[in-house]
PDB file of N, CA and C in Angstrom:
ATOM      1  N   UNK A   1     -13.277   5.272  -4.216  1.00  0.00           N
ATOM      2  CA  UNK A   1     -13.759   4.115  -3.482  1.00  0.00           C
ATOM      3  C   UNK A   1     -12.599   3.246  -2.985  1.00  0.00           C
ATOM      4  N   UNK A   2     -11.480   3.275  -3.682  1.00  0.00           N
ATOM      5  CA  UNK A   2     -10.333   2.479  -3.270  1.00  0.00           C
ATOM      6  C   UNK A   2      -9.893   2.836  -1.854  1.00  0.00           C
ATOM      7  N   UNK A   3      -9.985   4.117  -1.524  1.00  0.00           N
ATOM      8  CA  UNK A   3      -9.565   4.556  -0.188  1.00  0.00           C
ATOM      9  C   UNK A   3     -10.336   3.817   0.908  1.00  0.00           C
ATOM     10  N   UNK A   4     -11.638   3.703   0.771  1.00  0.00           N
ATOM     11  CA  UNK A   4     -12.452   3.002   1.783  1.00  0.00           C
ATOM     12  C   UNK A   4     -12.104   1.547   1.845  1.00  0.00           C
ATOM     13  N   UNK A   5     -11.901   0.914   0.691  1.00  0.00           N
ATOM     14  CA  UNK A   5     -11.538  -0.493   0.678  1.00  0.00           C
ATOM     15  C   UNK A   5     -10.205  -0.714   1.364  1.00  0.00           C
ATOM     16  N   UNK A   6      -9.256   0.134   1.071  1.00  0.00           N
ATOM     17  CA  UNK A   6      -7.927   0.012   1.665  1.00  0.00           C
ATOM     18  C   UNK A   6      -7.964   0.168   3.175  1.00  0.00           C
ATOM     19  N   UNK A   7      -8.603   1.217   3.655  1.00  0.00           N
ATOM     20  CA  UNK A   7      -8.641   1.468   5.079  1.00  0.00           C
ATOM     21  C   UNK A   7      -9.425   0.412   5.842  1.00  0.00           C
ATOM     22  N   UNK A   8     -10.369  -0.230   5.193  1.00  0.00           N
ATOM     23  CA  UNK A   8     -11.112  -1.327   5.831  1.00  0.00           C
ATOM     24  C   UNK A   8     -10.306  -2.606   5.871  1.00  0.00           C
ATOM     25  N   UNK A   9      -9.204  -2.645   5.141  1.00  0.00           N
ATOM     26  CA  UNK A   9      -8.375  -3.849   5.047  1.00  0.00           C
ATOM     27  C   UNK A   9      -7.439  -3.967   6.239  1.00  0.00           C
ATOM     28  N   UNK A  10      -7.080  -2.880   6.846  1.00  0.00           N
ATOM     29  CA  UNK A  10      -6.070  -2.886   7.908  1.00  0.00           C
ATOM     30  C   UNK A  10      -6.505  -1.964   9.050  1.00  0.00           C
ATOM     31  N   UNK A  11      -6.374  -2.460  10.269  1.00  0.00           N
ATOM     32  CA  UNK A  11      -6.748  -1.648  11.426  1.00  0.00           C
ATOM     33  C   UNK A  11      -5.611  -0.698  11.789  1.00  0.00           C
ATOM     34  N   UNK A  12      -5.896   0.256  12.647  1.00  0.00           N
ATOM     35  CA  UNK A  12      -4.861   1.199  13.073  1.00  0.00           C
ATOM     36  C   UNK A  12      -3.734   0.488  13.808  1.00  0.00           C
ATOM     37  N   UNK A  13      -4.059  -0.469  14.648  1.00  0.00           N
ATOM     38  CA  UNK A  13      -2.994  -1.234  15.338  1.00  0.00           C
ATOM     39  C   UNK A  13      -2.161  -2.025  14.366  1.00  0.00           C
ATOM     40  N   UNK A  14      -2.784  -2.641  13.367  1.00  0.00           N
ATOM     41  CA  UNK A  14      -2.048  -3.403  12.340  1.00  0.00           C
ATOM     42  C   UNK A  14      -1.160  -2.471  11.526  1.00  0.00           C
ATOM     43  N   UNK A  15      -1.678  -1.296  11.254  1.00  0.00           N
ATOM     44  CA  UNK A  15      -0.926  -0.304  10.497  1.00  0.00           C
ATOM     45  C   UNK A  15       0.343   0.107  11.249  1.00  0.00           C
ATOM     46  N   UNK A  16       0.210   0.349  12.537  1.00  0.00           N
ATOM     47  CA  UNK A  16       1.372   0.722  13.354  1.00  0.00           C
ATOM     48  C   UNK A  16       2.395  -0.421  13.384  1.00  0.00           C
ATOM     49  N   UNK A  17       1.930  -1.628  13.572  1.00  0.00           N
ATOM     50  CA  UNK A  17       2.806  -2.795  13.623  1.00  0.00           C
ATOM     51  C   UNK A  17       3.506  -2.994  12.280  1.00  0.00           C
ATOM     52  N   UNK A  18       2.761  -2.871  11.194  1.00  0.00           N
ATOM     53  CA  UNK A  18       3.312  -3.025   9.866  1.00  0.00           C
ATOM     54  C   UNK A  18       4.383  -1.974   9.594  1.00  0.00           C
ATOM     55  N   UNK A  19       4.116  -0.734   9.941  1.00  0.00           N
ATOM     56  CA  UNK A  19       5.105   0.341   9.769  1.00  0.00           C
ATOM     57  C   UNK A  19       6.379   0.032  10.494  1.00  0.00           C
ATOM     58  N   UNK A  20       6.263  -0.462  11.714  1.00  0.00           N
ATOM     59  CA  UNK A  20       7.459  -0.820  12.503  1.00  0.00           C
ATOM     60  C   UNK A  20       8.230  -1.952  11.819  1.00  0.00           C
ATOM     61  N   UNK A  21       7.513  -2.971  11.354  1.00  0.00           N
ATOM     62  CA  UNK A  21       8.155  -4.128  10.729  1.00  0.00           C
ATOM     63  C   UNK A  21       8.936  -3.787   9.468  1.00  0.00           C
ATOM     64  N   UNK A  22       8.378  -2.883   8.661  1.00  0.00           N
ATOM     65  CA  UNK A  22       9.047  -2.561   7.389  1.00  0.00           C
ATOM     66  C   UNK A  22       9.924  -1.317   7.491  1.00  0.00           C
ATOM     67  N   UNK A  23       9.941  -0.688   8.674  1.00  0.00           N
ATOM     68  CA  UNK A  23      10.816   0.447   8.900  1.00  0.00           C
ATOM     69  C   UNK A  23      10.383   1.742   8.238  1.00  0.00           C
ATOM     70  N   UNK A  24       9.081   1.976   8.246  1.00  0.00           N
ATOM     71  CA  UNK A  24       8.576   3.264   7.712  1.00  0.00           C
ATOM     72  C   UNK A  24       7.740   3.941   8.767  1.00  0.00           C
ATOM     73  N   UNK A  25       7.525   5.221   8.589  1.00  0.00           N
ATOM     74  CA  UNK A  25       6.720   5.989   9.508  1.00  0.00           C
ATOM     75  C   UNK A  25       5.251   5.608   9.368  1.00  0.00           C
ATOM     76  N   UNK A  26       4.549   5.427  10.471  1.00  0.00           N
ATOM     77  CA  UNK A  26       3.135   5.028  10.419  1.00  0.00           C
ATOM     78  C   UNK A  26       2.263   6.063   9.730  1.00  0.00           C
ATOM     79  N   UNK A  27       2.556   7.329   9.932  1.00  0.00           N
ATOM     80  CA  UNK A  27       1.765   8.400   9.293  1.00  0.00           C
ATOM     81  C   UNK A  27       1.968   8.374   7.790  1.00  0.00           C
ATOM     82  N   UNK A  28       3.177   8.104   7.348  1.00  0.00           N
ATOM     83  CA  UNK A  28       3.495   7.967   5.915  1.00  0.00           C
ATOM     84  C   UNK A  28       2.696   6.803   5.343  1.00  0.00           C
ATOM     85  N   UNK A  29       2.647   5.685   6.036  1.00  0.00           N
ATOM     86  CA  UNK A  29       1.872   4.533   5.589  1.00  0.00           C
ATOM     87  C   UNK A  29       0.399   4.888   5.482  1.00  0.00           C
ATOM     88  N   UNK A  30      -0.104   5.594   6.465  1.00  0.00           N
ATOM     89  CA  UNK A  30      -1.515   6.020   6.451  1.00  0.00           C
ATOM     90  C   UNK A  30      -1.784   6.913   5.230  1.00  0.00           C
ATOM     91  N   UNK A  31      -0.885   7.866   4.970  1.00  0.00           N
ATOM     92  CA  UNK A  31      -1.061   8.756   3.827  1.00  0.00           C
ATOM     93  C   UNK A  31      -1.055   7.990   2.505  1.00  0.00           C
ATOM     94  N   UNK A  32      -0.203   6.989   2.426  1.00  0.00           N
ATOM     95  CA  UNK A  32      -0.171   6.159   1.221  1.00  0.00           C
ATOM     96  C   UNK A  32      -1.424   5.322   1.060  1.00  0.00           C
ATOM     97  N   UNK A  33      -1.924   4.777   2.146  1.00  0.00           N
ATOM     98  CA  UNK A  33      -3.145   3.975   2.089  1.00  0.00           C
ATOM     99  C   UNK A  33      -4.375   4.786   1.753  1.00  0.00           C
ATOM    100  N   UNK A  34      -4.358   6.058   2.094  1.00  0.00           N
ATOM    101  CA  UNK A  34      -5.511   6.911   1.800  1.00  0.00           C
ATOM    102  C   UNK A  34      -5.363   7.654   0.468  1.00  0.00           C
ATOM    103  N   UNK A  35      -4.273   7.408  -0.255  1.00  0.00           N
ATOM    104  CA  UNK A  35      -4.073   8.005  -1.554  1.00  0.00           C
ATOM    105  C   UNK A  35      -3.519   9.412  -1.537  1.00  0.00           C
ATOM    106  N   UNK A  36      -3.134   9.904  -0.388  1.00  0.00           N
ATOM    107  CA  UNK A  36      -2.553  11.238  -0.309  1.00  0.00           C
ATOM    108  C   UNK A  36      -1.134  11.302  -0.829  1.00  0.00           C
ATOM    109  N   UNK A  37      -0.426  10.170  -0.712  1.00  0.00           N
ATOM    110  CA  UNK A  37       0.955  10.046  -1.186  1.00  0.00           C
ATOM    111  C   UNK A  37       1.106   8.702  -1.850  1.00  0.00           C
ATOM    112  N   UNK A  38       2.140   8.560  -2.656  1.00  0.00           N
ATOM    113  CA  UNK A  38       2.524   7.281  -3.212  1.00  0.00           C
ATOM    114  C   UNK A  38       3.808   6.801  -2.562  1.00  0.00           C
ATOM    115  N   UNK A  39       3.840   5.562  -2.194  1.00  0.00           N
ATOM    116  CA  UNK A  39       5.013   4.958  -1.572  1.00  0.00           C
ATOM    117  C   UNK A  39       6.052   4.657  -2.647  1.00  0.00           C
ATOM    118  N   UNK A  40       7.300   4.584  -2.251  1.00  0.00           N
ATOM    119  CA  UNK A  40       8.328   4.190  -3.207  1.00  0.00           C
ATOM    120  C   UNK A  40       8.076   2.726  -3.608  1.00  0.00           C
ATOM    121  N   UNK A  41       8.535   2.374  -4.787  1.00  0.00           N
ATOM    122  CA  UNK A  41       8.315   1.003  -5.272  1.00  0.00           C
ATOM    123  C   UNK A  41       8.935  -0.035  -4.363  1.00  0.00           C
ATOM    124  N   UNK A  42      10.123   0.233  -3.864  1.00  0.00           N
ATOM    125  CA  UNK A  42      10.798  -0.730  -2.979  1.00  0.00           C
ATOM    126  C   UNK A  42      10.008  -0.917  -1.687  1.00  0.00           C
ATOM    127  N   UNK A  43       9.555   0.169  -1.101  1.00  0.00           N
ATOM    128  CA  UNK A  43       8.773   0.054   0.125  1.00  0.00           C
ATOM    129  C   UNK A  43       7.437  -0.646  -0.121  1.00  0.00           C
ATOM    130  N   UNK A  44       6.831  -0.365  -1.243  1.00  0.00           N
ATOM    131  CA  UNK A  44       5.554  -0.978  -1.578  1.00  0.00           C
ATOM    132  C   UNK A  44       5.663  -2.501  -1.704  1.00  0.00           C
ATOM    133  N   UNK A  45       6.745  -2.941  -2.305  1.00  0.00           N
ATOM    134  CA  UNK A  45       6.968  -4.377  -2.429  1.00  0.00           C
ATOM    135  C   UNK A  45       7.208  -4.991  -1.051  1.00  0.00           C
ATOM    136  N   UNK A  46       7.963  -4.316  -0.196  1.00  0.00           N
ATOM    137  CA  UNK A  46       8.194  -4.825   1.171  1.00  0.00           C
ATOM    138  C   UNK A  46       6.878  -4.941   1.939  1.00  0.00           C
ATOM    139  N   UNK A  47       6.014  -3.927   1.819  1.00  0.00           N
ATOM    140  CA  UNK A  47       4.721  -3.946   2.501  1.00  0.00           C
ATOM    141  C   UNK A  47       3.877  -5.124   1.984  1.00  0.00           C
ATOM    142  N   UNK A  48       3.852  -5.279   0.685  1.00  0.00           N
ATOM    143  CA  UNK A  48       3.062  -6.366   0.100  1.00  0.00           C
ATOM    144  C   UNK A  48       3.580  -7.731   0.558  1.00  0.00           C
ATOM    145  N   UNK A  49       4.882  -7.880   0.595  1.00  0.00           N
ATOM    146  CA  UNK A  49       5.456  -9.159   1.037  1.00  0.00           C
ATOM    147  C   UNK A  49       5.199  -9.401   2.507  1.00  0.00           C
ATOM    148  N   UNK A  50       5.360  -8.383   3.318  1.00  0.00           N
ATOM    149  CA  UNK A  50       5.151  -8.522   4.781  1.00  0.00           C
ATOM    150  C   UNK A  50       3.713  -8.903   5.130  1.00  0.00           C
ATOM    151  N   UNK A  51       2.772  -8.452   4.302  1.00  0.00           N
ATOM    152  CA  UNK A  51       1.366  -8.698   4.556  1.00  0.00           C
ATOM    153  C   UNK A  51       0.819  -9.864   3.714  1.00  0.00           C
ATOM    154  N   UNK A  52       1.699 -10.543   3.011  1.00  0.00           N
ATOM    155  CA  UNK A  52       1.296 -11.658   2.123  1.00  0.00           C
ATOM    156  C   UNK A  52       0.220 -11.217   1.137  1.00  0.00           C
ATOM    157  N   UNK A  53       0.347  -9.981   0.655  1.00  0.00           N
ATOM    158  CA  UNK A  53      -0.571  -9.470  -0.360  1.00  0.00           C
ATOM    159  C   UNK A  53      -1.819  -8.824   0.195  1.00  0.00           C
ATOM    160  N   UNK A  54      -2.053  -8.874   1.479  1.00  0.00           N
ATOM    161  CA  UNK A  54      -3.227  -8.244   2.058  1.00  0.00           C
ATOM    162  C   UNK A  54      -3.251  -6.728   1.800  1.00  0.00           C
ATOM    163  N   UNK A  55      -2.080  -6.101   1.933  1.00  0.00           N
ATOM    164  CA  UNK A  55      -1.900  -4.699   1.558  1.00  0.00           C
ATOM    165  C   UNK A  55      -0.989  -4.704   0.344  1.00  0.00           C
ATOM    166  N   UNK A  56      -1.563  -4.515  -0.820  1.00  0.00           N
ATOM    167  CA  UNK A  56      -0.836  -4.639  -2.064  1.00  0.00           C
ATOM    168  C   UNK A  56      -0.213  -3.356  -2.574  1.00  0.00           C
ATOM    169  N   UNK A  57       0.611  -3.519  -3.582  1.00  0.00           N
ATOM    170  CA  UNK A  57       1.295  -2.376  -4.184  1.00  0.00           C
ATOM    171  C   UNK A  57       0.311  -1.351  -4.741  1.00  0.00           C
ATOM    172  N   UNK A  58      -0.801  -1.814  -5.288  1.00  0.00           N
ATOM    173  CA  UNK A  58      -1.832  -0.908  -5.811  1.00  0.00           C
ATOM    174  C   UNK A  58      -2.398  -0.025  -4.720  1.00  0.00           C
ATOM    175  N   UNK A  59      -2.482  -0.551  -3.489  1.00  0.00           N
ATOM    176  CA  UNK A  59      -3.093   0.192  -2.383  1.00  0.00           C
ATOM    177  C   UNK A  59      -2.208   1.331  -1.903  1.00  0.00           C
ATOM    178  N   UNK A  60      -0.911   1.134  -1.949  1.00  0.00           N
ATOM    179  CA  UNK A  60       0.002   2.148  -1.399  1.00  0.00           C
ATOM    180  C   UNK A  60       0.650   3.014  -2.460  1.00  0.00           C
ATOM    181  N   UNK A  61       0.380   2.714  -3.722  1.00  0.00           N
ATOM    182  CA  UNK A  61       0.864   3.518  -4.863  1.00  0.00           C
ATOM    183  C   UNK A  61      -0.301   3.813  -5.775  1.00  0.00           C
ATOM    184  N   UNK A  62      -1.372   4.349  -5.214  1.00  0.00           N
ATOM    185  CA  UNK A  62      -2.599   4.524  -5.970  1.00  0.00           C
ATOM    186  C   UNK A  62      -2.450   5.395  -7.219  1.00  0.00           C
ATOM    187  N   UNK A  63      -1.576   6.377  -7.183  1.00  0.00           N
ATOM    188  CA  UNK A  63      -1.404   7.267  -8.318  1.00  0.00           C
ATOM    189  C   UNK A  63      -0.379   6.805  -9.347  1.00  0.00           C
ATOM    190  N   UNK A  64       0.511   5.892  -8.946  1.00  0.00           N
ATOM    191  CA  UNK A  64       1.623   5.571  -9.840  1.00  0.00           C
ATOM    192  C   UNK A  64       1.804   4.111 -10.172  1.00  0.00           C
ATOM    193  N   UNK A  65       1.019   3.222  -9.580  1.00  0.00           N
ATOM    194  CA  UNK A  65       1.293   1.790  -9.775  1.00  0.00           C
ATOM    195  C   UNK A  65       1.197   1.346 -11.221  1.00  0.00           C
ATOM    196  N   UNK A  66       0.310   1.954 -11.982  1.00  0.00           N
ATOM    197  CA  UNK A  66       0.187   1.549 -13.421  1.00  0.00           C
ATOM    198  C   UNK A  66       1.457   1.774 -14.204  1.00  0.00           C
ATOM    199  N   UNK A  67       2.169   2.866 -13.896  1.00  0.00           N
ATOM    200  CA  UNK A  67       3.403   3.157 -14.625  1.00  0.00           C
ATOM    201  C   UNK A  67       4.594   2.352 -14.108  1.00  0.00           C
ATOM    202  N   UNK A  68       4.535   1.961 -12.830  1.00  0.00           N
ATOM    203  CA  UNK A  68       5.617   1.163 -12.247  1.00  0.00           C
ATOM    204  C   UNK A  68       5.471  -0.315 -12.573  1.00  0.00           C
ATOM    205  N   UNK A  69       4.234  -0.821 -12.456  1.00  0.00           N
ATOM    206  CA  UNK A  69       3.954  -2.239 -12.666  1.00  0.00           C
ATOM    207  C   UNK A  69       2.810  -2.384 -13.688  1.00  0.00           C
ATOM    208  N   UNK A  70       3.055  -2.100 -14.952  1.00  0.00           N
ATOM    209  CA  UNK A  70       1.963  -2.179 -15.956  1.00  0.00           C
ATOM    210  C   UNK A  70       1.341  -3.565 -16.055  1.00  0.00           C
ATOM    211  N   UNK A  71       2.098  -4.581 -15.688  1.00  0.00           N
ATOM    212  CA  UNK A  71       1.549  -5.948 -15.758  1.00  0.00           C
ATOM    213  C   UNK A  71       0.364  -6.140 -14.788  1.00  0.00           C
ATOM    214  N   UNK A  72       0.315  -5.351 -13.737  1.00  0.00           N
ATOM    215  CA  UNK A  72      -0.795  -5.443 -12.776  1.00  0.00           C
ATOM    216  C   UNK A  72      -2.088  -4.890 -13.389  1.00  0.00           C
ATOM    217  N   UNK A  73      -1.970  -3.992 -14.353  1.00  0.00           N
ATOM    218  CA  UNK A  73      -3.166  -3.429 -14.984  1.00  0.00           C
ATOM    219  C   UNK A  73      -3.914  -4.479 -15.811  1.00  0.00           C
ATOM    220  N   UNK A  74      -3.226  -5.481 -16.248  1.00  0.00           N
ATOM    221  CA  UNK A  74      -3.871  -6.535 -17.041  1.00  0.00           C
ATOM    222  C   UNK A  74      -4.919  -7.262 -16.194  1.00  0.00           C
ATOM    223  N   UNK A  75      -4.707  -7.332 -14.873  1.00  0.00           N
ATOM    224  CA  UNK A  75      -5.655  -7.985 -13.989  1.00  0.00           C
ATOM    225  C   UNK A  75      -6.991  -7.243 -13.922  1.00  0.00           C
ATOM    226  N   UNK A  76      -7.000  -5.976 -14.261  1.00  0.00           N
ATOM    227  CA  UNK A  76      -8.226  -5.184 -14.215  1.00  0.00           C
ATOM    228  C   UNK A  76      -9.121  -5.387 -15.415  1.00  0.00           C
ATOM    229  N   UNK A  77      -8.548  -5.867 -16.499  1.00  0.00           N
ATOM    230  CA  UNK A  77      -9.307  -5.988 -17.748  1.00  0.00           C
ATOM    231  C   UNK A  77     -10.306  -7.111 -17.709  1.00  0.00           C
TER     232      UNK A  77
END
């Protein structure tokens, strides 16, 4: 279900603009948003900062965020 929530958060045009701003490939960003890949921690933080949290680290690191940022898992409890 996270995939649908994530993709509803950002439009295709916003995704292209965001990819340009943070210096990553738009297709890579798309794959990370849909859970097909996990973004590097550094890139994920840049994306989160650029979007003021609208696209968060959990969204682009769906498979690995718990091990990278365990403090974020406390918010789920």
